[in-house]
C-alpha cells in the first residue's frame, strides 16, 4: 500500500512528551533558613501537531517517518522557576488528511485548509510545584505534583484527496485521456486495464480566469467494494468530491448496465455517496453517428445529465465544462 510515489496511507508510532514534575523545594538563605516553599511548576510535554500544506499531495515524505516522539517537559526548579516546555513536533500533511487511532478506529484529527494546525496528540501537563499550594493555613507544603503522562500508540494517517470533480468509470473508459486533454496533467495512458494505479489531479481552466480541480481515479471493477481490484483504496478518495462524473465508453456493450454496476459499487461502499451530484459522459463518441447517439441516449437514466464527448476530436468538451461548472455552483449554493 505504501509503494510508489503516491502514498495515501501511513502507519506510525506516535508519543507525545510527558509533563515535567513540579519541584518541592524550600528556600533557605543566610539570614532566613526557613524562607518557605519556592518550588516551580513542571513544563508541558511536547505536542504532536498536524499542519496542512497545499503544496503536498501525497504522504510520501512520511514513508520512513515511523516513530514520532516529542520531547518531555522539564522539571520545575527552585526560586519558582518553571520547567522548560517540551519541543513540539509539527508534521506537515496534504489537505484532506485524516488521523486515526489504530486500535479504536476513531478519527482524531482532520486537515482541510492550508496552514491549518491541529494538536493531534497533546503533551502531558506539567505538575504544580509546592509554592502553588502555599496558603495561610498551609505555609510549608512539602509536596508537589508529578507531570501528566504522555499519550502514545500506533496511529494511522490516511489521505482522501480533495478535488471538486471525481472521474468514475471502468478501466479504459478514457478518464486519463480526458484529464490530459482538459488540464495540464500528464497521466500515464495505455490500452490495457488499470493504466491508472494512483489518483491524478489537474486544474481545469474555465471562463473568466476561473478554474476547478478534477481527479482521475483508478478504475472501478465489479466487486470493488469488497476489495477486488484496487478496492477501498480507490473508493475512499471519491468521498471528498463534490461532483462525480461517470465515464462510459461509446463502445460499451451495455451502457445502462455499466452505469448501474458503477452506482452499485458506490452504494455498497458508502450509501451517502448517492447523495452527490452525478453527471454522465459517453467517451470516445467520435465513433458514433447521430442515430447511434440517439439510441444510446434512450438507455441512459433520465435523472442524470449526460453529454457525448471525444477527447481526441474535442467534441463536447466545452459543453462538459459548462455542465461541471454549473453543478459545482449548484452544490455551493445549497
Protein backbone atom coordinates (compact mmCIF):
# COMPACT_ATOMS: atom_id res chain seq x y z
CA UNK A 1 0.00 0.00 0.00
CA UNK A 2 2.93 2.34 0.52
CA UNK A 3 4.78 1.53 -2.70
CA UNK A 4 5.27 4.07 -5.46
CA UNK A 5 5.27 7.83 -5.33
CA UNK A 6 1.61 8.20 -4.40
CA UNK A 7 1.28 7.23 -0.74
CA UNK A 8 -2.16 7.72 0.81
CA UNK A 9 -1.83 5.57 3.94
CA UNK A 10 0.81 5.72 6.65
CA UNK A 11 1.05 3.82 9.94
CA UNK A 12 3.25 5.39 12.60
CA UNK A 13 4.04 5.02 16.29
CA UNK A 14 3.49 8.37 17.99
CA UNK A 15 4.25 9.53 21.51
CA UNK A 16 3.75 12.99 22.94
CA UNK A 17 6.03 14.37 25.66
CA UNK A 18 5.23 13.78 29.32
CA UNK A 19 4.85 16.73 31.64
CA UNK A 20 7.70 17.74 33.92
CA UNK A 21 7.37 17.24 37.66
CA UNK A 22 6.78 20.16 39.98
CA UNK A 23 9.52 20.98 42.49
CA UNK A 24 9.05 20.58 46.27
CA UNK A 25 11.92 22.93 47.12
CA UNK A 26 12.23 25.22 50.17
CA UNK A 27 14.12 28.47 50.06
CA UNK A 28 16.94 28.77 52.54
CA UNK A 29 19.01 31.93 52.82
CA UNK A 30 21.81 33.01 55.11
CA UNK A 31 19.52 35.17 57.16
CA UNK A 32 16.33 33.14 56.75
CA UNK A 33 16.92 29.37 56.73
CA UNK A 34 13.16 28.74 56.57
CA UNK A 35 12.07 31.27 53.95
CA UNK A 36 9.34 28.95 52.69
CA UNK A 37 8.44 26.88 49.62
CA UNK A 38 9.70 28.11 46.24
CA UNK A 39 9.32 25.05 44.03
CA UNK A 40 8.32 25.89 40.47
CA UNK A 41 5.89 24.09 38.14
CA UNK A 42 6.97 21.48 35.63
CA UNK A 43 6.94 22.25 31.91
CA UNK A 44 4.41 20.90 29.45
CA UNK A 45 5.33 17.91 27.34
CA UNK A 46 5.68 18.44 23.60
CA UNK A 47 2.58 18.21 21.39
CA UNK A 48 2.43 16.34 18.10
CA UNK A 49 0.80 18.75 15.67
CA UNK A 50 -0.58 18.25 12.15
CA UNK A 51 -0.24 21.18 9.74
CA UNK A 52 -1.86 21.49 6.33
CA UNK A 53 0.39 22.15 3.32
CA UNK A 54 -1.30 22.76 -0.02
CA UNK A 55 1.97 22.04 -1.84
CA UNK A 56 1.82 18.40 -0.77
CA UNK A 57 -0.48 15.88 -2.45
CA UNK A 58 0.81 12.62 -1.00
CA UNK A 59 2.12 11.18 2.28
CA UNK A 60 5.30 10.01 0.54
CA UNK A 61 7.54 12.26 2.66
CA UNK A 62 6.36 10.37 5.76
CA UNK A 63 7.06 6.89 4.39
CA UNK A 64 10.09 6.32 6.64
CA UNK A 65 8.83 8.55 9.46
CA UNK A 66 7.79 5.56 11.54
CA UNK A 67 8.47 6.76 15.10
CA UNK A 68 7.38 10.21 16.22
CA UNK A 69 8.39 11.02 19.80
CA UNK A 70 8.00 14.51 21.24
CA UNK A 71 10.27 15.95 23.92
CA UNK A 72 9.35 15.67 27.62
CA UNK A 73 8.72 18.78 29.68
CA UNK A 74 11.44 19.90 32.08
CA UNK A 75 11.07 19.60 35.85
CA UNK A 76 10.32 22.65 37.97
CA UNK A 77 13.21 24.19 39.91
CA UNK A 78 13.85 26.36 42.95
CA UNK A 79 13.21 30.07 43.06
CA UNK A 80 9.77 29.42 41.45
CA UNK A 81 11.40 28.56 38.13
CA UNK A 82 9.09 26.78 35.74
CA UNK A 83 10.50 23.84 33.79
CA UNK A 84 11.04 24.15 30.04
CA UNK A 85 8.18 23.09 27.79
CA UNK A 86 8.96 20.11 25.59
CA UNK A 87 9.53 20.96 21.93
CA UNK A 88 6.50 20.30 19.73
CA UNK A 89 6.73 18.14 16.62
CA UNK A 90 4.92 19.54 13.58
CA UNK A 91 4.02 17.08 10.83
CA UNK A 92 3.10 18.69 7.52
CA UNK A 93 0.44 16.79 5.59
CA UNK A 94 -1.54 17.33 2.37
CA UNK A 95 -5.04 18.75 2.54
CA UNK A 96 -7.61 16.01 3.02
CA UNK A 97 -5.55 14.05 5.55
CA UNK A 98 -7.35 12.28 8.38
CA UNK A 99 -5.69 10.88 11.51
CA UNK A 100 -6.98 7.77 13.27
CA UNK A 101 -6.17 5.71 16.32
CA UNK A 102 -5.33 2.26 15.00
CA UNK A 103 -6.74 0.36 17.97
CA UNK A 104 -10.12 2.09 18.27
CA UNK A 105 -10.51 3.29 14.69
CA UNK A 106 -11.61 6.71 15.99
CA UNK A 107 -10.78 9.74 13.84
CA UNK A 108 -8.71 12.12 15.97
CA UNK A 109 -7.91 14.94 13.55
CA UNK A 110 -8.62 16.19 10.04
CA UNK A 111 -6.75 18.75 7.93
CA UNK A 112 -8.68 20.61 5.21
CA UNK A 113 -7.01 24.03 4.88
CA UNK A 114 -3.54 25.31 4.01
CA UNK A 115 -1.67 26.38 7.15
CA UNK A 116 -4.26 24.82 9.45
CA UNK A 117 -2.70 23.41 12.63
CA UNK A 118 -4.34 20.81 14.86
CA UNK A 119 -2.89 19.43 18.08
CA UNK A 120 -3.19 15.74 17.26
CA UNK A 121 -1.57 14.21 20.36
CA UNK A 122 -1.29 16.66 23.27
CA UNK A 123 1.68 16.62 25.59
CA UNK A 124 1.23 15.98 29.30
CA UNK A 125 0.58 18.96 31.55
CA UNK A 126 3.40 19.89 33.92
CA UNK A 127 2.92 19.25 37.63
CA UNK A 128 2.46 22.07 40.15
CA UNK A 129 5.36 22.97 42.42
CA UNK A 130 4.93 23.26 46.17
CA UNK A 131 4.81 27.06 46.06
CA UNK A 132 1.43 26.73 44.31
CA UNK A 133 -0.04 25.01 47.32
CA UNK A 134 1.18 27.58 49.84
CA UNK A 135 -1.60 29.31 51.76
CA UNK A 136 -2.27 30.98 55.07
CA UNK A 137 -3.28 27.65 56.56
CA UNK A 138 -0.64 25.59 54.72
CA UNK A 139 2.54 27.62 54.87
CA UNK A 140 5.04 24.81 54.30
CA UNK A 141 3.70 22.23 51.83
CA UNK A 142 6.35 19.60 51.32
CA UNK A 143 4.82 18.03 48.24
CA UNK A 144 4.46 18.76 44.53
CA UNK A 145 2.60 17.21 41.63
CA UNK A 146 4.18 14.82 39.15
CA UNK A 147 3.76 15.69 35.49
CA UNK A 148 0.92 14.18 33.48
CA UNK A 149 1.92 11.15 31.41
CA UNK A 150 2.46 11.18 27.67
CA UNK A 151 0.00 9.71 25.17
CA UNK A 152 1.34 7.01 22.89
CA UNK A 153 0.17 4.37 20.47
CA UNK A 154 0.01 3.24 16.86
CA UNK A 155 -1.69 5.80 14.67
CA UNK A 156 -2.80 5.97 11.05
CA UNK A 157 -2.68 8.90 8.63
CA UNK A 158 -4.99 8.48 5.65
CA UNK A 159 -5.29 10.81 2.68
CA UNK A 160 -8.54 11.37 0.83
CA UNK A 161 -7.68 13.71 -2.00
CA UNK A 162 -9.54 17.00 -2.30
CA UNK A 163 -10.97 17.64 -5.76
CA UNK A 164 -14.14 19.33 -6.98
CA UNK A 165 -14.86 16.62 -9.54
CA UNK A 166 -14.03 12.92 -9.45
CA UNK A 167 -13.93 10.76 -12.58
CA UNK A 168 -15.65 7.40 -12.11
CA UNK A 169 -15.55 4.56 -14.61
CA UNK A 170 -14.24 1.16 -15.55
CA UNK A 171 -10.63 0.73 -16.66
CA UNK A 172 -10.03 2.11 -20.18
CA UNK A 173 -13.13 4.32 -20.07
CA UNK A 174 -10.99 7.27 -21.19
CA UNK A 175 -10.59 9.04 -17.85
CA UNK A 176 -6.84 9.61 -18.13
CA UNK A 177 -7.14 10.81 -21.72
CA UNK A 178 -9.86 13.27 -20.73
CA UNK A 179 -7.76 14.59 -17.85
CA UNK A 180 -4.75 15.09 -20.11
CA UNK A 181 -6.92 16.94 -22.63
CA UNK A 182 -8.74 19.43 -20.39
CA UNK A 183 -5.92 20.01 -17.85
CA UNK A 184 -2.12 20.25 -17.86
CA UNK A 185 -1.84 16.93 -16.02
CA UNK A 186 0.04 14.17 -17.84
CA UNK A 187 -1.19 10.82 -16.50
CA UNK A 188 0.16 7.57 -17.91
CA UNK A 189 -2.06 6.38 -20.76
CA UNK A 190 -2.11 2.96 -22.42
CA UNK A 191 -4.56 0.49 -23.99
CA UNK A 192 -4.60 -2.01 -21.12
CA UNK A 193 -6.64 -2.19 -17.93
CA UNK A 194 -5.58 -0.35 -14.78
CA UNK A 195 -3.26 2.09 -16.51
CA UNK A 196 -4.10 4.43 -13.65
CA UNK A 197 -2.90 2.89 -10.41
CA UNK A 198 -2.85 6.13 -8.42
CA UNK A 199 -5.04 9.25 -8.50
CA UNK A 200 -4.03 12.11 -10.78
CA UNK A 201 -5.14 15.66 -10.07
CA UNK A 202 -5.46 18.52 -12.55
CA UNK A 203 -6.91 22.04 -12.77
CA UNK A 204 -9.49 22.70 -15.47
CA UNK A 205 -9.32 26.28 -16.83
CA UNK A 206 -12.74 27.85 -17.27
CA UNK A 207 -14.13 31.16 -18.49
CA UNK A 208 -13.06 34.48 -16.96
CA UNK A 209 -9.90 33.01 -15.39
CA UNK A 210 -11.89 30.62 -13.22
CA UNK A 211 -10.91 27.01 -12.67
CA UNK A 212 -11.81 23.85 -10.77
CA UNK A 213 -9.97 20.70 -9.71
CA UNK A 214 -10.68 17.32 -11.26
CA UNK A 215 -9.26 13.94 -10.20
CA UNK A 216 -8.70 10.93 -12.42
CA UNK A 217 -9.11 7.99 -10.06
CA UNK A 218 -8.23 4.32 -10.60
CA UNK A 219 -10.90 2.40 -12.49
CA UNK A 220 -13.63 0.51 -10.67
CA UNK A 221 -14.28 -3.14 -11.33
CA UNK A 222 -17.35 -5.04 -10.21
CA UNK A 223 -16.78 -6.08 -6.60
CA UNK A 224 -14.51 -3.13 -5.78
CA UNK A 225 -16.43 -2.51 -2.54
CA UNK A 226 -15.28 -5.98 -1.41
CA UNK A 227 -11.66 -5.07 -2.04
CA UNK A 228 -11.34 -6.53 -5.52
CA UNK A 229 -9.03 -4.70 -7.91
CA UNK A 230 -7.90 -1.54 -6.14
CA UNK A 231 -10.98 -1.79 -3.92
CA UNK A 232 -11.29 0.52 -0.96
CA UNK A 233 -8.06 2.31 -1.80
CA UNK A 234 -9.84 3.89 -4.75
CA UNK A 235 -13.32 4.27 -3.32
CA UNK A 236 -12.30 6.28 -0.26
CA UNK A 237 -10.96 9.10 -2.44
CA UNK A 238 -14.31 9.89 -4.08
CA UNK A 239 -15.85 10.68 -0.68
CA UNK A 240 -14.27 14.14 -0.97
CA UNK A 241 -15.55 15.03 -4.44
CA UNK A 242 -18.48 17.44 -4.76
CA UNK A 243 -19.45 16.13 -8.20
CA UNK A 244 -18.93 12.67 -9.69
CA UNK A 245 -18.52 12.43 -13.44
CA UNK A 246 -19.24 8.93 -14.73
CA UNK A 247 -17.43 7.99 -17.92
CA UNK A 248 -18.78 5.15 -20.05
CA UNK A 249 -17.13 4.47 -23.41
CA UNK A 250 -19.21 4.59 -26.58
CA UNK A 251 -18.16 1.03 -27.49
CA UNK A 252 -19.62 -0.43 -24.27
CA UNK A 253 -21.85 -3.48 -24.83
CA UNK A 254 -24.48 -2.18 -22.39
CA UNK A 255 -24.28 1.46 -21.27
CA UNK A 256 -27.19 1.20 -18.84
CA UNK A 257 -25.78 -1.87 -17.13
CA UNK A 258 -22.32 -0.30 -16.82
CA UNK A 259 -23.83 2.74 -15.10
CA UNK A 260 -25.85 0.54 -12.75
CA UNK A 261 -22.78 -1.51 -11.80
CA UNK A 262 -20.81 1.66 -11.02
CA UNK A 263 -23.68 3.02 -8.93
CA UNK A 264 -23.98 -0.26 -7.05
CA UNK A 265 -20.29 -0.25 -6.15
CA UNK A 266 -20.62 3.25 -4.71
CA UNK A 267 -23.75 2.34 -2.76
CA UNK A 268 -22.25 -0.85 -1.33
CA UNK A 269 -19.17 1.04 -0.19
CA UNK A 270 -20.94 4.07 1.27
CA UNK A 271 -24.66 4.83 0.63
CA UNK A 272 -24.02 8.53 1.35
CA UNK A 273 -22.16 8.75 -1.97
CA UNK A 274 -25.52 8.53 -3.72
CA UNK A 275 -26.36 11.98 -2.36
CA UNK A 276 -23.70 13.60 -4.53
CA UNK A 277 -24.30 15.36 -7.83
CA UNK A 278 -23.88 12.93 -10.76
CA UNK A 279 -23.06 13.69 -14.39
CA UNK A 280 -22.59 11.17 -17.19
CA UNK A 281 -20.29 11.43 -20.20
CA UNK A 282 -20.15 8.97 -23.07
CA UNK A 283 -16.49 8.97 -24.08
CA UNK A 284 -14.93 8.05 -27.42
CA UNK A 285 -18.04 9.45 -29.15
CA UNK A 286 -16.15 10.32 -32.33
CA UNK A 287 -17.00 6.78 -33.47
CA UNK A 288 -20.77 7.45 -33.22
CA UNK A 289 -23.18 8.96 -35.72
CA UNK A 290 -26.33 10.86 -34.70
CA UNK A 291 -28.52 7.75 -34.95
CA UNK A 292 -26.32 5.78 -32.55
CA UNK A 293 -26.17 8.70 -30.13
CA UNK A 294 -29.97 8.82 -30.02
CA UNK A 295 -30.14 5.09 -29.38
CA UNK A 296 -27.61 5.28 -26.54
CA UNK A 297 -29.32 8.33 -25.02
CA UNK A 298 -32.53 6.30 -24.64
CA UNK A 299 -30.65 3.79 -22.46
CA UNK A 300 -29.33 6.40 -20.05
CA UNK A 301 -31.08 7.38 -16.79
CA UNK A 302 -33.39 10.37 -17.14
CA UNK A 303 -32.34 11.98 -13.84
CA UNK A 304 -28.62 12.19 -14.69
CA UNK A 305 -27.49 14.88 -17.17
CA UNK A 306 -25.37 13.40 -19.96
CA UNK A 307 -23.10 14.58 -22.74
CA UNK A 308 -21.30 12.87 -25.62
CA UNK A 309 -17.59 13.68 -25.71
CA UNK A 310 -14.40 12.80 -27.53
CA UNK A 311 -11.04 13.73 -26.08
CA UNK A 312 -9.41 13.08 -29.47
CA UNK A 313 -11.61 15.44 -31.53
CA UNK A 314 -12.52 17.80 -28.62
CA UNK A 315 -16.19 17.04 -29.26
CA UNK A 316 -18.48 18.08 -26.39
CA UNK A 317 -15.68 19.23 -24.07
CA UNK A 318 -16.91 22.82 -23.82
CA UNK A 319 -20.40 21.58 -23.04
CA UNK A 320 -18.92 19.21 -20.43
CA UNK A 321 -17.07 22.04 -18.70
CA UNK A 322 -20.26 24.10 -18.61
CA UNK A 323 -22.15 21.20 -17.02
CA UNK A 324 -19.45 20.64 -14.41
CA UNK A 325 -19.22 24.33 -13.51
CA UNK A 326 -22.99 24.62 -13.17
CA UNK A 327 -23.13 21.50 -10.99
CA UNK A 328 -20.35 22.80 -8.73
CA UNK A 329 -22.08 26.17 -8.36
CA UNK A 330 -25.37 24.47 -7.51
CA UNK A 331 -23.59 22.47 -4.79
CA UNK A 332 -22.01 25.63 -3.40
CA UNK A 333 -25.35 27.40 -3.18
CA UNK A 334 -27.03 24.57 -1.28
